[in-house]
Amino acid sequence: MPKERPTARVLAMLELLQDRPGISGADLAQRLGVGERTVRRYAAHLADLGIPVTAERGRYGGYWLPPAFRLPPLALTDGEAAAVVLGLLAGSPHGLPGSATESALAKINRVLPESVADQVTALRDTFARTLPDGQDGQATAPDFRIALGLATAARDRRRVRITYQSWRGETSARDLDPYGLVLHGGRWYVTGLDSLRAAIRVFRVDRVRSLEPAENPRADPPPPGYDPAAQLTEALGEVAGRHRVRVLLHTTLDQVTRRVPPAAATLVQTSGGVLLETRAERFDTMAGYLAGLGCPLTVQEPAELREALAELSDRLASCAARTGEP
């Protein structure tokens, strides 16, 4: 079962309580994919929010809402709505119909003001991630106005003018054609065509200081088959190392994905094995990493990596030859 954030499960539990009064703790636990102790904690959380959940013990016991209880209309500010959506998306199995998160997002959207609901829908439509669900850690939410504005511009193919602060603290202005938002390692990024460099680039959303429509609002479309998540992975790889690495691993894709996280390398199944593409700063470090994968391999490039593997092999052979005697 895909991993859900507690917020999504609490909302799913509230829905079950409304649809099935008296539902047992065991049934709730099974449907939510948690233990009965966690169900009791969710019930307490709902009570803290002013939702009068009652529990009756015994063979015919269960969880109830008062018969006359009705949830008040959901009234969220723009910021609150964006915070909820960003939090749910960060822990959701995005794109899987019927999940508790998808259901919660749909219900939130139905009661939001039309303008906000449209922006939230844009965020969902342009959202991607680089890591499997639940592996991003605790996501850091960016400024909701910036995130929603970029997502809407990406969906509507509109150019925007942004002010961006680099990691050095330098601020610059540029026109950007946003292509999509990506969650990676707890941070949100936007990819798009950067007018300043005349190239597709990646920007951290939390470093975008201002956002407004560009003078020429018509944006260029992304290249055919463009993948924002793949662009981010490649860009981060370039930052992480100067040297391009291509290695053919003589094993299956299933075996490799258990050891190599998606953000670390690009993996492609071929007739001869799995092609691993990444970047490295030091060849000796990469040689040790490849050796640790525990499978036969062929280095396609660069030649320096072959030399580093040979040197590592010699060192290991020398260690193995030692008898341990003084």
C-alpha atoms as a PDB file:
ATOM      1  CA  MET A   1       0.000   0.000   0.000  1.00  0.00           C
ATOM      2  CA  PRO A   2       1.473   3.411  -0.947  1.00  0.00           C
ATOM      3  CA  LYS A   3       2.588   5.399   2.026  1.00  0.00           C
ATOM      4  CA  GLU A   4       0.210   8.205   3.036  1.00  0.00           C
ATOM      5  CA  ARG A   5       0.853  11.201   5.251  1.00  0.00           C
ATOM      6  CA  PRO A   6      -1.102  11.244   8.562  1.00  0.00           C
ATOM      7  CA  THR A   7      -3.137  14.268   7.381  1.00  0.00           C
ATOM      8  CA  ALA A   8      -4.563  12.246   4.498  1.00  0.00           C
ATOM      9  CA  ARG A   9      -5.423   9.314   6.762  1.00  0.00           C
ATOM     10  CA  VAL A  10      -7.135  11.537   9.348  1.00  0.00           C
ATOM     11  CA  LEU A  11      -9.291  13.037   6.600  1.00  0.00           C
ATOM     12  CA  ALA A  12     -10.028   9.544   5.279  1.00  0.00           C
ATOM     13  CA  MET A  13     -11.033   8.431   8.785  1.00  0.00           C
ATOM     14  CA  LEU A  14     -13.428  11.379   9.094  1.00  0.00           C
ATOM     15  CA  GLU A  15     -15.028  10.371   5.806  1.00  0.00           C
ATOM     16  CA  LEU A  16     -15.440   6.780   7.012  1.00  0.00           C
ATOM     17  CA  LEU A  17     -17.039   7.943  10.264  1.00  0.00           C
ATOM     18  CA  GLN A  18     -19.607   9.961   8.326  1.00  0.00           C
ATOM     19  CA  ASP A  19     -20.374   7.130   5.913  1.00  0.00           C
ATOM     20  CA  ARG A  20     -20.349   4.250   8.416  1.00  0.00           C
ATOM     21  CA  PRO A  21     -21.453   5.265  11.941  1.00  0.00           C
ATOM     22  CA  GLY A  22     -20.283   2.763  14.536  1.00  0.00           C
ATOM     23  CA  ILE A  23     -17.441   1.396  12.431  1.00  0.00           C
ATOM     24  CA  SER A  24     -15.121  -0.693  14.583  1.00  0.00           C
ATOM     25  CA  GLY A  25     -11.547   0.208  15.392  1.00  0.00           C
ATOM     26  CA  ALA A  26     -10.310  -2.951  13.678  1.00  0.00           C
ATOM     27  CA  ASP A  27     -12.196  -2.093  10.487  1.00  0.00           C
ATOM     28  CA  LEU A  28     -10.890   1.472  10.541  1.00  0.00           C
ATOM     29  CA  ALA A  29      -7.347   0.228  11.067  1.00  0.00           C
ATOM     30  CA  GLN A  30      -7.636  -2.169   8.134  1.00  0.00           C
ATOM     31  CA  ARG A  31      -9.086   0.430   5.783  1.00  0.00           C
ATOM     32  CA  LEU A  32      -6.535   3.072   6.745  1.00  0.00           C
ATOM     33  CA  GLY A  33      -3.575   0.691   6.786  1.00  0.00           C
ATOM     34  CA  VAL A  34      -2.567   1.491  10.380  1.00  0.00           C
ATOM     35  CA  GLY A  35      -2.783  -0.104  13.810  1.00  0.00           C
ATOM     36  CA  GLU A  36      -5.706   0.328  16.212  1.00  0.00           C
ATOM     37  CA  ARG A  37      -3.540   2.429  18.523  1.00  0.00           C
ATOM     38  CA  THR A  38      -2.983   4.850  15.650  1.00  0.00           C
ATOM     39  CA  VAL A  39      -6.754   4.924  15.027  1.00  0.00           C
ATOM     40  CA  ARG A  40      -7.253   6.013  18.631  1.00  0.00           C
ATOM     41  CA  ARG A  41      -4.658   8.749  18.140  1.00  0.00           C
ATOM     42  CA  TYR A  42      -6.433   9.965  14.988  1.00  0.00           C
ATOM     43  CA  ALA A  43      -9.746  10.042  16.904  1.00  0.00           C
ATOM     44  CA  ALA A  44      -8.104  12.189  19.588  1.00  0.00           C
ATOM     45  CA  HIS A  45      -6.716  14.484  16.890  1.00  0.00           C
ATOM     46  CA  LEU A  46     -10.191  14.943  15.402  1.00  0.00           C
ATOM     47  CA  ALA A  47     -11.552  15.707  18.862  1.00  0.00           C
ATOM     48  CA  ASP A  48      -8.836  18.352  19.312  1.00  0.00           C
ATOM     49  CA  LEU A  49     -10.085  19.954  16.093  1.00  0.00           C
ATOM     50  CA  GLY A  50     -13.585  20.224  17.568  1.00  0.00           C
ATOM     51  CA  ILE A  51     -15.050  17.164  15.839  1.00  0.00           C
ATOM     52  CA  PRO A  52     -16.882  15.192  18.576  1.00  0.00           C
ATOM     53  CA  VAL A  53     -15.770  11.623  17.906  1.00  0.00           C
ATOM     54  CA  THR A  54     -16.981   9.131  20.531  1.00  0.00           C
ATOM     55  CA  ALA A  55     -15.777   5.572  21.035  1.00  0.00           C
ATOM     56  CA  GLU A  56     -17.690   2.699  22.618  1.00  0.00           C
ATOM     57  CA  ARG A  57     -15.844  -0.371  23.834  1.00  0.00           C
ATOM     58  CA  GLY A  58     -17.040  -3.928  23.730  1.00  0.00           C
ATOM     59  CA  ARG A  59     -18.160  -6.478  21.181  1.00  0.00           C
ATOM     60  CA  TYR A  60     -20.616  -4.106  19.540  1.00  0.00           C
ATOM     61  CA  GLY A  61     -18.602  -0.956  20.117  1.00  0.00           C
ATOM     62  CA  GLY A  62     -17.163   1.382  17.528  1.00  0.00           C
ATOM     63  CA  TYR A  63     -16.546   4.994  16.620  1.00  0.00           C
ATOM     64  CA  TRP A  64     -19.382   7.465  16.159  1.00  0.00           C
ATOM     65  CA  LEU A  65     -20.191  11.032  15.278  1.00  0.00           C
ATOM     66  CA  PRO A  66     -23.333  12.585  16.795  1.00  0.00           C
ATOM     67  CA  PRO A  67     -26.334  12.020  14.462  1.00  0.00           C
ATOM     68  CA  ALA A  68     -26.924  15.742  14.056  1.00  0.00           C
ATOM     69  CA  PHE A  69     -23.260  16.569  13.502  1.00  0.00           C
ATOM     70  CA  ARG A  70     -22.415  18.223  10.218  1.00  0.00           C
ATOM     71  CA  LEU A  71     -19.060  19.615   9.235  1.00  0.00           C
ATOM     72  CA  PRO A  72     -19.142  23.395   8.799  1.00  0.00           C
ATOM     73  CA  PRO A  73     -18.227  24.738   5.363  1.00  0.00           C
ATOM     74  CA  LEU A  74     -14.492  24.629   4.835  1.00  0.00           C
ATOM     75  CA  ALA A  75     -13.113  28.156   4.985  1.00  0.00           C
ATOM     76  CA  LEU A  76      -9.418  28.313   4.190  1.00  0.00           C
ATOM     77  CA  THR A  77      -7.297  31.290   3.326  1.00  0.00           C
ATOM     78  CA  ASP A  78      -5.217  31.063   0.169  1.00  0.00           C
ATOM     79  CA  GLY A  79      -2.158  30.305   2.283  1.00  0.00           C
ATOM     80  CA  GLU A  80      -3.880  27.628   4.342  1.00  0.00           C
ATOM     81  CA  ALA A  81      -5.224  25.916   1.221  1.00  0.00           C
ATOM     82  CA  ALA A  82      -1.823  25.932  -0.447  1.00  0.00           C
ATOM     83  CA  ALA A  83      -0.125  24.637   2.726  1.00  0.00           C
ATOM     84  CA  VAL A  84      -2.568  21.720   2.939  1.00  0.00           C
ATOM     85  CA  VAL A  85      -2.179  20.883  -0.744  1.00  0.00           C
ATOM     86  CA  LEU A  86       1.619  21.131  -0.678  1.00  0.00           C
ATOM     87  CA  GLY A  87       1.706  18.882   2.390  1.00  0.00           C
ATOM     88  CA  LEU A  88      -0.603  16.290   0.860  1.00  0.00           C
ATOM     89  CA  LEU A  89       1.245  16.259  -2.456  1.00  0.00           C
ATOM     90  CA  ALA A  90       4.572  15.838  -0.675  1.00  0.00           C
ATOM     91  CA  GLY A  91       3.377  12.545   0.789  1.00  0.00           C
ATOM     92  CA  SER A  92       0.967  11.354  -1.894  1.00  0.00           C
ATOM     93  CA  PRO A  93       1.159   8.548  -4.418  1.00  0.00           C
ATOM     94  CA  HIS A  94       0.408  11.177  -7.065  1.00  0.00           C
ATOM     95  CA  GLY A  95      -1.675   9.991  -9.971  1.00  0.00           C
ATOM     96  CA  LEU A  96      -3.113   6.872  -8.285  1.00  0.00           C
ATOM     97  CA  PRO A  97      -6.912   7.190  -8.473  1.00  0.00           C
ATOM     98  CA  GLY A  98      -8.844   6.233  -5.372  1.00  0.00           C
ATOM     99  CA  SER A  99      -6.086   6.952  -2.866  1.00  0.00           C
ATOM    100  CA  ALA A 100      -7.014   8.740   0.332  1.00  0.00           C
ATOM    101  CA  THR A 101      -4.842  11.686  -0.676  1.00  0.00           C
ATOM    102  CA  GLU A 102      -6.522  12.092  -4.056  1.00  0.00           C
ATOM    103  CA  SER A 103      -9.920  11.963  -2.357  1.00  0.00           C
ATOM    104  CA  ALA A 104      -8.894  14.574   0.209  1.00  0.00           C
ATOM    105  CA  LEU A 105      -7.529  16.906  -2.469  1.00  0.00           C
ATOM    106  CA  ALA A 106     -10.716  16.617  -4.514  1.00  0.00           C
ATOM    107  CA  LYS A 107     -12.881  17.485  -1.500  1.00  0.00           C
ATOM    108  CA  ILE A 108     -10.739  20.464  -0.580  1.00  0.00           C
ATOM    109  CA  ASN A 109     -10.920  21.747  -4.144  1.00  0.00           C
ATOM    110  CA  ARG A 110     -14.712  21.545  -4.228  1.00  0.00           C
ATOM    111  CA  VAL A 111     -15.115  24.041  -1.387  1.00  0.00           C
ATOM    112  CA  LEU A 112     -12.380  26.513  -2.290  1.00  0.00           C
ATOM    113  CA  PRO A 113     -13.036  29.802  -4.061  1.00  0.00           C
ATOM    114  CA  GLU A 114     -12.914  29.268  -7.817  1.00  0.00           C
ATOM    115  CA  SER A 115      -9.740  31.298  -8.320  1.00  0.00           C
ATOM    116  CA  VAL A 116      -7.847  29.413  -5.602  1.00  0.00           C
ATOM    117  CA  ALA A 117      -9.216  26.039  -6.705  1.00  0.00           C
ATOM    118  CA  ASP A 118      -7.960  26.726 -10.224  1.00  0.00           C
ATOM    119  CA  GLN A 119      -4.449  27.432  -8.948  1.00  0.00           C
ATOM    120  CA  VAL A 120      -4.482  24.332  -6.740  1.00  0.00           C
ATOM    121  CA  THR A 121      -5.532  22.240  -9.740  1.00  0.00           C
ATOM    122  CA  ALA A 122      -2.654  23.754 -11.716  1.00  0.00           C
ATOM    123  CA  LEU A 123      -0.249  22.763  -8.971  1.00  0.00           C
ATOM    124  CA  ARG A 124      -1.495  19.167  -9.060  1.00  0.00           C
ATOM    125  CA  ASP A 125      -1.296  19.074 -12.863  1.00  0.00           C
ATOM    126  CA  THR A 126       2.295  20.339 -13.022  1.00  0.00           C
ATOM    127  CA  PHE A 127       3.664  18.511  -9.977  1.00  0.00           C
ATOM    128  CA  ALA A 128       6.311  15.764 -10.227  1.00  0.00           C
ATOM    129  CA  ARG A 129       8.817  14.125  -7.881  1.00  0.00           C
ATOM    130  CA  THR A 130      12.198  12.443  -8.235  1.00  0.00           C
ATOM    131  CA  LEU A 131      12.017   9.982  -5.328  1.00  0.00           C
ATOM    132  CA  PRO A 132       9.535   7.199  -4.533  1.00  0.00           C
ATOM    133  CA  ASP A 133       6.643   8.245  -2.303  1.00  0.00           C
ATOM    134  CA  GLY A 134       7.621   8.671   1.314  1.00  0.00           C
ATOM    135  CA  GLN A 135      11.388   9.035   0.601  1.00  0.00           C
ATOM    136  CA  ASP A 136      11.492  12.807   0.276  1.00  0.00           C
ATOM    137  CA  GLY A 137      11.627  13.295   4.010  1.00  0.00           C
ATOM    138  CA  GLN A 138      10.052  16.366   5.581  1.00  0.00           C
ATOM    139  CA  ALA A 139       9.264  18.728   2.724  1.00  0.00           C
ATOM    140  CA  THR A 140       9.923  22.445   3.168  1.00  0.00           C
ATOM    141  CA  ALA A 141       6.966  24.408   1.802  1.00  0.00           C
ATOM    142  CA  PRO A 142       7.901  27.464  -0.312  1.00  0.00           C
ATOM    143  CA  ASP A 143       5.970  30.729  -0.446  1.00  0.00           C
ATOM    144  CA  PHE A 144       2.500  29.548  -1.488  1.00  0.00           C
ATOM    145  CA  ARG A 145       1.918  32.575  -3.730  1.00  0.00           C
ATOM    146  CA  ILE A 146       5.097  31.839  -5.684  1.00  0.00           C
ATOM    147  CA  ALA A 147       4.401  28.102  -5.931  1.00  0.00           C
ATOM    148  CA  LEU A 148       0.811  28.543  -7.107  1.00  0.00           C
ATOM    149  CA  GLY A 149       1.795  31.305  -9.534  1.00  0.00           C
ATOM    150  CA  LEU A 150       4.537  29.190 -11.129  1.00  0.00           C
ATOM    151  CA  ALA A 151       2.268  26.152 -11.359  1.00  0.00           C
ATOM    152  CA  THR A 152      -0.512  28.165 -13.006  1.00  0.00           C
ATOM    153  CA  ALA A 153       1.928  29.747 -15.470  1.00  0.00           C
ATOM    154  CA  ALA A 154       3.334  26.303 -16.320  1.00  0.00           C
ATOM    155  CA  ARG A 155      -0.118  24.895 -17.018  1.00  0.00           C
ATOM    156  CA  ASP A 156      -1.308  27.909 -19.019  1.00  0.00           C
ATOM    157  CA  ARG A 157       1.995  28.281 -20.923  1.00  0.00           C
ATOM    158  CA  ARG A 158       2.530  31.838 -19.714  1.00  0.00           C
ATOM    159  CA  ARG A 159       5.869  33.592 -19.334  1.00  0.00           C
ATOM    160  CA  VAL A 160       6.611  35.223 -15.985  1.00  0.00           C
ATOM    161  CA  ARG A 161       9.177  37.674 -14.668  1.00  0.00           C
ATOM    162  CA  ILE A 162      10.995  36.440 -11.569  1.00  0.00           C
ATOM    163  CA  THR A 163      13.555  37.846  -9.176  1.00  0.00           C
ATOM    164  CA  TYR A 164      15.883  35.053  -8.077  1.00  0.00           C
ATOM    165  CA  GLN A 165      18.459  34.903  -5.289  1.00  0.00           C
ATOM    166  CA  SER A 166      21.375  32.543  -5.888  1.00  0.00           C
ATOM    167  CA  TRP A 167      23.089  30.477  -3.204  1.00  0.00           C
ATOM    168  CA  ARG A 168      25.749  33.220  -3.082  1.00  0.00           C
ATOM    169  CA  GLY A 169      23.068  35.761  -2.149  1.00  0.00           C
ATOM    170  CA  GLU A 170      23.187  37.509  -5.552  1.00  0.00           C
ATOM    171  CA  THR A 171      19.823  38.678  -6.903  1.00  0.00           C
ATOM    172  CA  SER A 172      18.947  38.785 -10.602  1.00  0.00           C
ATOM    173  CA  ALA A 173      15.808  39.275 -12.702  1.00  0.00           C
ATOM    174  CA  ARG A 174      14.834  37.178 -15.710  1.00  0.00           C
ATOM    175  CA  ASP A 175      11.890  35.993 -17.773  1.00  0.00           C
ATOM    176  CA  LEU A 176      10.995  32.344 -17.250  1.00  0.00           C
ATOM    177  CA  ASP A 177       8.782  29.954 -19.193  1.00  0.00           C
ATOM    178  CA  PRO A 178       7.880  27.485 -16.396  1.00  0.00           C
ATOM    179  CA  TYR A 179       7.503  23.832 -17.447  1.00  0.00           C
ATOM    180  CA  GLY A 180       6.737  22.137 -14.133  1.00  0.00           C
ATOM    181  CA  LEU A 181       7.305  21.909 -10.370  1.00  0.00           C
ATOM    182  CA  VAL A 182       9.333  19.057  -8.900  1.00  0.00           C
ATOM    183  CA  LEU A 183       9.736  17.867  -5.319  1.00  0.00           C
ATOM    184  CA  HIS A 184      13.196  16.485  -4.541  1.00  0.00           C
ATOM    185  CA  GLY A 185      14.763  15.795  -1.166  1.00  0.00           C
ATOM    186  CA  GLY A 186      12.213  17.932   0.660  1.00  0.00           C
ATOM    187  CA  ARG A 187      12.716  20.966  -1.593  1.00  0.00           C
ATOM    188  CA  TRP A 188      10.516  22.323  -4.391  1.00  0.00           C
ATOM    189  CA  TYR A 189      12.066  23.231  -7.738  1.00  0.00           C
ATOM    190  CA  VAL A 190      10.734  24.739 -10.971  1.00  0.00           C
ATOM    191  CA  THR A 191      12.163  23.930 -14.388  1.00  0.00           C
ATOM    192  CA  GLY A 192      11.773  26.127 -17.446  1.00  0.00           C
ATOM    193  CA  LEU A 193      13.319  28.188 -20.212  1.00  0.00           C
ATOM    194  CA  ASP A 194      15.481  30.938 -18.705  1.00  0.00           C
ATOM    195  CA  SER A 195      15.731  34.079 -20.852  1.00  0.00           C
ATOM    196  CA  LEU A 196      18.949  35.165 -19.112  1.00  0.00           C
ATOM    197  CA  ARG A 197      20.826  32.038 -20.218  1.00  0.00           C
ATOM    198  CA  ALA A 198      18.633  31.127 -23.234  1.00  0.00           C
ATOM    199  CA  ALA A 199      18.529  27.554 -21.889  1.00  0.00           C
ATOM    200  CA  ILE A 200      16.323  25.267 -19.842  1.00  0.00           C
ATOM    201  CA  ARG A 201      17.351  25.567 -16.208  1.00  0.00           C
ATOM    202  CA  VAL A 202      16.264  24.560 -12.716  1.00  0.00           C
ATOM    203  CA  PHE A 203      15.462  26.991  -9.898  1.00  0.00           C
ATOM    204  CA  ARG A 204      14.661  26.447  -6.231  1.00  0.00           C
ATOM    205  CA  VAL A 205      11.177  27.815  -5.604  1.00  0.00           C
ATOM    206  CA  ASP A 206      12.090  29.073  -2.131  1.00  0.00           C
ATOM    207  CA  ARG A 207      14.742  31.332  -3.719  1.00  0.00           C
ATOM    208  CA  VAL A 208      12.262  33.054  -6.050  1.00  0.00           C
ATOM    209  CA  ARG A 209      11.764  36.402  -4.347  1.00  0.00           C
ATOM    210  CA  SER A 210       9.091  37.882  -6.635  1.00  0.00           C
ATOM    211  CA  LEU A 211       6.848  36.791  -9.482  1.00  0.00           C
ATOM    212  CA  GLU A 212       4.817  38.822 -11.990  1.00  0.00           C
ATOM    213  CA  PRO A 213       3.577  38.467 -15.576  1.00  0.00           C
ATOM    214  CA  ALA A 214       6.225  39.118 -18.230  1.00  0.00           C
ATOM    215  CA  GLU A 215       5.834  41.905 -20.803  1.00  0.00           C
ATOM    216  CA  ASN A 216       5.461  39.233 -23.480  1.00  0.00           C
ATOM    217  CA  PRO A 217       3.272  36.680 -21.672  1.00  0.00           C
ATOM    218  CA  ARG A 218       3.307  34.015 -24.386  1.00  0.00           C
ATOM    219  CA  ALA A 219       5.676  31.221 -23.370  1.00  0.00           C
ATOM    220  CA  ASP A 220       7.516  28.797 -25.637  1.00  0.00           C
ATOM    221  CA  PRO A 221       6.335  25.185 -25.197  1.00  0.00           C
ATOM    222  CA  PRO A 222       8.715  22.609 -23.706  1.00  0.00           C
ATOM    223  CA  PRO A 223      10.575  20.248 -26.064  1.00  0.00           C
ATOM    224  CA  PRO A 224       8.636  17.114 -27.128  1.00  0.00           C
ATOM    225  CA  GLY A 225       8.710  14.497 -24.387  1.00  0.00           C
ATOM    226  CA  TYR A 226      10.222  16.904 -21.868  1.00  0.00           C
ATOM    227  CA  ASP A 227      10.348  15.531 -18.304  1.00  0.00           C
ATOM    228  CA  PRO A 228      10.842  18.129 -15.514  1.00  0.00           C
ATOM    229  CA  ALA A 229      11.879  15.469 -12.965  1.00  0.00           C
ATOM    230  CA  ALA A 230      14.520  14.060 -15.327  1.00  0.00           C
ATOM    231  CA  GLN A 231      15.783  17.594 -15.994  1.00  0.00           C
ATOM    232  CA  LEU A 232      16.172  18.201 -12.268  1.00  0.00           C
ATOM    233  CA  THR A 233      18.005  14.908 -11.713  1.00  0.00           C
ATOM    234  CA  GLU A 234      20.408  15.732 -14.545  1.00  0.00           C
ATOM    235  CA  ALA A 235      20.969  19.272 -13.286  1.00  0.00           C
ATOM    236  CA  LEU A 236      21.712  18.117  -9.743  1.00  0.00           C
ATOM    237  CA  GLY A 237      24.071  15.509 -11.142  1.00  0.00           C
ATOM    238  CA  GLU A 238      26.001  18.178 -13.011  1.00  0.00           C
ATOM    239  CA  VAL A 239      26.356  20.148  -9.798  1.00  0.00           C
ATOM    240  CA  ALA A 240      27.476  17.050  -7.917  1.00  0.00           C
ATOM    241  CA  GLY A 241      30.313  16.096 -10.274  1.00  0.00           C
ATOM    242  CA  ARG A 242      32.416  17.310 -13.188  1.00  0.00           C
ATOM    243  CA  HIS A 243      32.893  13.970 -14.944  1.00  0.00           C
ATOM    244  CA  ARG A 244      30.263  12.102 -16.920  1.00  0.00           C
ATOM    245  CA  VAL A 245      30.058   8.389 -16.107  1.00  0.00           C
ATOM    246  CA  ARG A 246      28.462   5.625 -18.204  1.00  0.00           C
ATOM    247  CA  VAL A 247      28.627   2.066 -16.891  1.00  0.00           C
ATOM    248  CA  LEU A 248      26.841  -1.067 -18.094  1.00  0.00           C
ATOM    249  CA  LEU A 249      25.782  -3.185 -15.118  1.00  0.00           C
ATOM    250  CA  HIS A 250      25.355  -6.848 -16.005  1.00  0.00           C
ATOM    251  CA  THR A 251      22.290  -7.488 -13.862  1.00  0.00           C
ATOM    252  CA  THR A 252      18.588  -6.712 -13.830  1.00  0.00           C
ATOM    253  CA  LEU A 253      16.905  -3.349 -13.365  1.00  0.00           C
ATOM    254  CA  ASP A 254      15.045  -4.699 -10.338  1.00  0.00           C
ATOM    255  CA  GLN A 255      18.311  -5.570  -8.604  1.00  0.00           C
ATOM    256  CA  VAL A 256      19.906  -2.203  -9.381  1.00  0.00           C
ATOM    257  CA  THR A 257      16.980  -0.064  -8.221  1.00  0.00           C
ATOM    258  CA  ARG A 258      17.242  -1.663  -4.779  1.00  0.00           C
ATOM    259  CA  ARG A 259      20.738  -0.200  -4.396  1.00  0.00           C
ATOM    260  CA  VAL A 260      20.759   2.952  -6.536  1.00  0.00           C
ATOM    261  CA  PRO A 261      18.247   5.712  -5.629  1.00  0.00           C
ATOM    262  CA  PRO A 262      16.601   7.531  -8.571  1.00  0.00           C
ATOM    263  CA  ALA A 263      18.301  10.831  -7.711  1.00  0.00           C
ATOM    264  CA  ALA A 264      21.774   9.263  -7.835  1.00  0.00           C
ATOM    265  CA  ALA A 265      21.781   8.080 -11.453  1.00  0.00           C
ATOM    266  CA  THR A 266      19.744   7.436 -14.570  1.00  0.00           C
ATOM    267  CA  LEU A 267      19.065   3.723 -15.114  1.00  0.00           C
ATOM    268  CA  VAL A 268      17.989   2.283 -18.473  1.00  0.00           C
ATOM    269  CA  GLN A 269      17.347  -1.397 -19.192  1.00  0.00           C
ATOM    270  CA  THR A 270      19.188  -2.579 -22.333  1.00  0.00           C
ATOM    271  CA  SER A 271      19.705  -5.946 -23.989  1.00  0.00           C
ATOM    272  CA  GLY A 272      23.137  -6.230 -22.364  1.00  0.00           C
ATOM    273  CA  GLY A 273      22.142  -5.135 -18.873  1.00  0.00           C
ATOM    274  CA  VAL A 274      21.359  -1.864 -17.091  1.00  0.00           C
ATOM    275  CA  LEU A 275      22.984   1.320 -18.365  1.00  0.00           C
ATOM    276  CA  LEU A 276      23.886   3.602 -15.446  1.00  0.00           C
ATOM    277  CA  GLU A 277      24.547   7.263 -16.235  1.00  0.00           C
ATOM    278  CA  THR A 278      25.638   9.772 -13.618  1.00  0.00           C
ATOM    279  CA  ARG A 279      28.378  12.267 -12.811  1.00  0.00           C
ATOM    280  CA  ALA A 280      31.331  12.046 -10.444  1.00  0.00           C
ATOM    281  CA  GLU A 281      33.745  14.455  -8.836  1.00  0.00           C
ATOM    282  CA  ARG A 282      36.362  11.796  -7.902  1.00  0.00           C
ATOM    283  CA  PHE A 283      37.053   8.585  -9.787  1.00  0.00           C
ATOM    284  CA  ASP A 284      38.329   6.704  -6.735  1.00  0.00           C
ATOM    285  CA  THR A 285      35.082   7.426  -4.875  1.00  0.00           C
ATOM    286  CA  MET A 286      32.999   6.321  -7.856  1.00  0.00           C
ATOM    287  CA  ALA A 287      35.093   3.144  -8.191  1.00  0.00           C
ATOM    288  CA  GLY A 288      34.354   2.243  -4.575  1.00  0.00           C
ATOM    289  CA  TYR A 289      30.652   2.966  -5.089  1.00  0.00           C
ATOM    290  CA  LEU A 290      30.446   0.733  -8.170  1.00  0.00           C
ATOM    291  CA  ALA A 291      32.352  -2.051  -6.448  1.00  0.00           C
ATOM    292  CA  GLY A 292      29.830  -1.908  -3.629  1.00  0.00           C
ATOM    293  CA  LEU A 293      26.978  -2.688  -6.030  1.00  0.00           C
ATOM    294  CA  GLY A 294      28.240  -6.265  -6.120  1.00  0.00           C
ATOM    295  CA  CYS A 295      27.586  -7.049  -9.789  1.00  0.00           C
ATOM    296  CA  PRO A 296      29.750  -7.458 -12.922  1.00  0.00           C
ATOM    297  CA  LEU A 297      30.085  -4.262 -14.918  1.00  0.00           C
ATOM    298  CA  THR A 298      31.666  -2.671 -17.974  1.00  0.00           C
ATOM    299  CA  VAL A 299      32.845   0.940 -17.896  1.00  0.00           C
ATOM    300  CA  GLN A 300      31.905   2.689 -21.134  1.00  0.00           C
ATOM    301  CA  GLU A 301      33.333   6.050 -20.124  1.00  0.00           C
ATOM    302  CA  PRO A 302      35.587   7.577 -18.967  1.00  0.00           C
ATOM    303  CA  ALA A 303      38.871   5.673 -19.208  1.00  0.00           C
ATOM    304  CA  GLU A 304      40.022   7.232 -15.918  1.00  0.00           C
ATOM    305  CA  LEU A 305      37.297   5.291 -14.117  1.00  0.00           C
ATOM    306  CA  ARG A 306      38.678   2.010 -15.467  1.00  0.00           C
ATOM    307  CA  GLU A 307      42.072   2.970 -14.074  1.00  0.00           C
ATOM    308  CA  ALA A 308      40.529   3.820 -10.700  1.00  0.00           C
ATOM    309  CA  LEU A 309      38.791   0.414 -10.612  1.00  0.00           C
ATOM    310  CA  ALA A 310      42.075  -1.324 -11.449  1.00  0.00           C
ATOM    311  CA  GLU A 311      43.861   0.544  -8.656  1.00  0.00           C
ATOM    312  CA  LEU A 312      41.080  -0.361  -6.228  1.00  0.00           C
ATOM    313  CA  SER A 313      41.342  -4.012  -7.292  1.00  0.00           C
ATOM    314  CA  ASP A 314      45.101  -3.994  -6.658  1.00  0.00           C
ATOM    315  CA  ARG A 315      44.640  -2.472  -3.201  1.00  0.00           C
ATOM    316  CA  LEU A 316      41.990  -5.016  -2.272  1.00  0.00           C
ATOM    317  CA  ALA A 317      44.124  -7.886  -3.569  1.00  0.00           C
ATOM    318  CA  SER A 318      47.048  -6.609  -1.490  1.00  0.00           C
ATOM    319  CA  CYS A 319      44.810  -6.505   1.594  1.00  0.00           C
ATOM    320  CA  ALA A 320      43.528 -10.011   0.926  1.00  0.00           C
ATOM    321  CA  ALA A 321      47.098 -11.336   0.607  1.00  0.00           C
ATOM    322  CA  ARG A 322      48.067 -10.193   4.079  1.00  0.00           C
ATOM    323  CA  THR A 323      48.210 -12.984   6.614  1.00  0.00           C
ATOM    324  CA  GLY A 324      47.783 -10.862   9.696  1.00  0.00           C
ATOM    325  CA  GLU A 325      51.172 -11.921  11.103  1.00  0.00           C
ATOM    326  CA  PRO A 326      53.441  -9.228  12.638  1.00  0.00           C
END
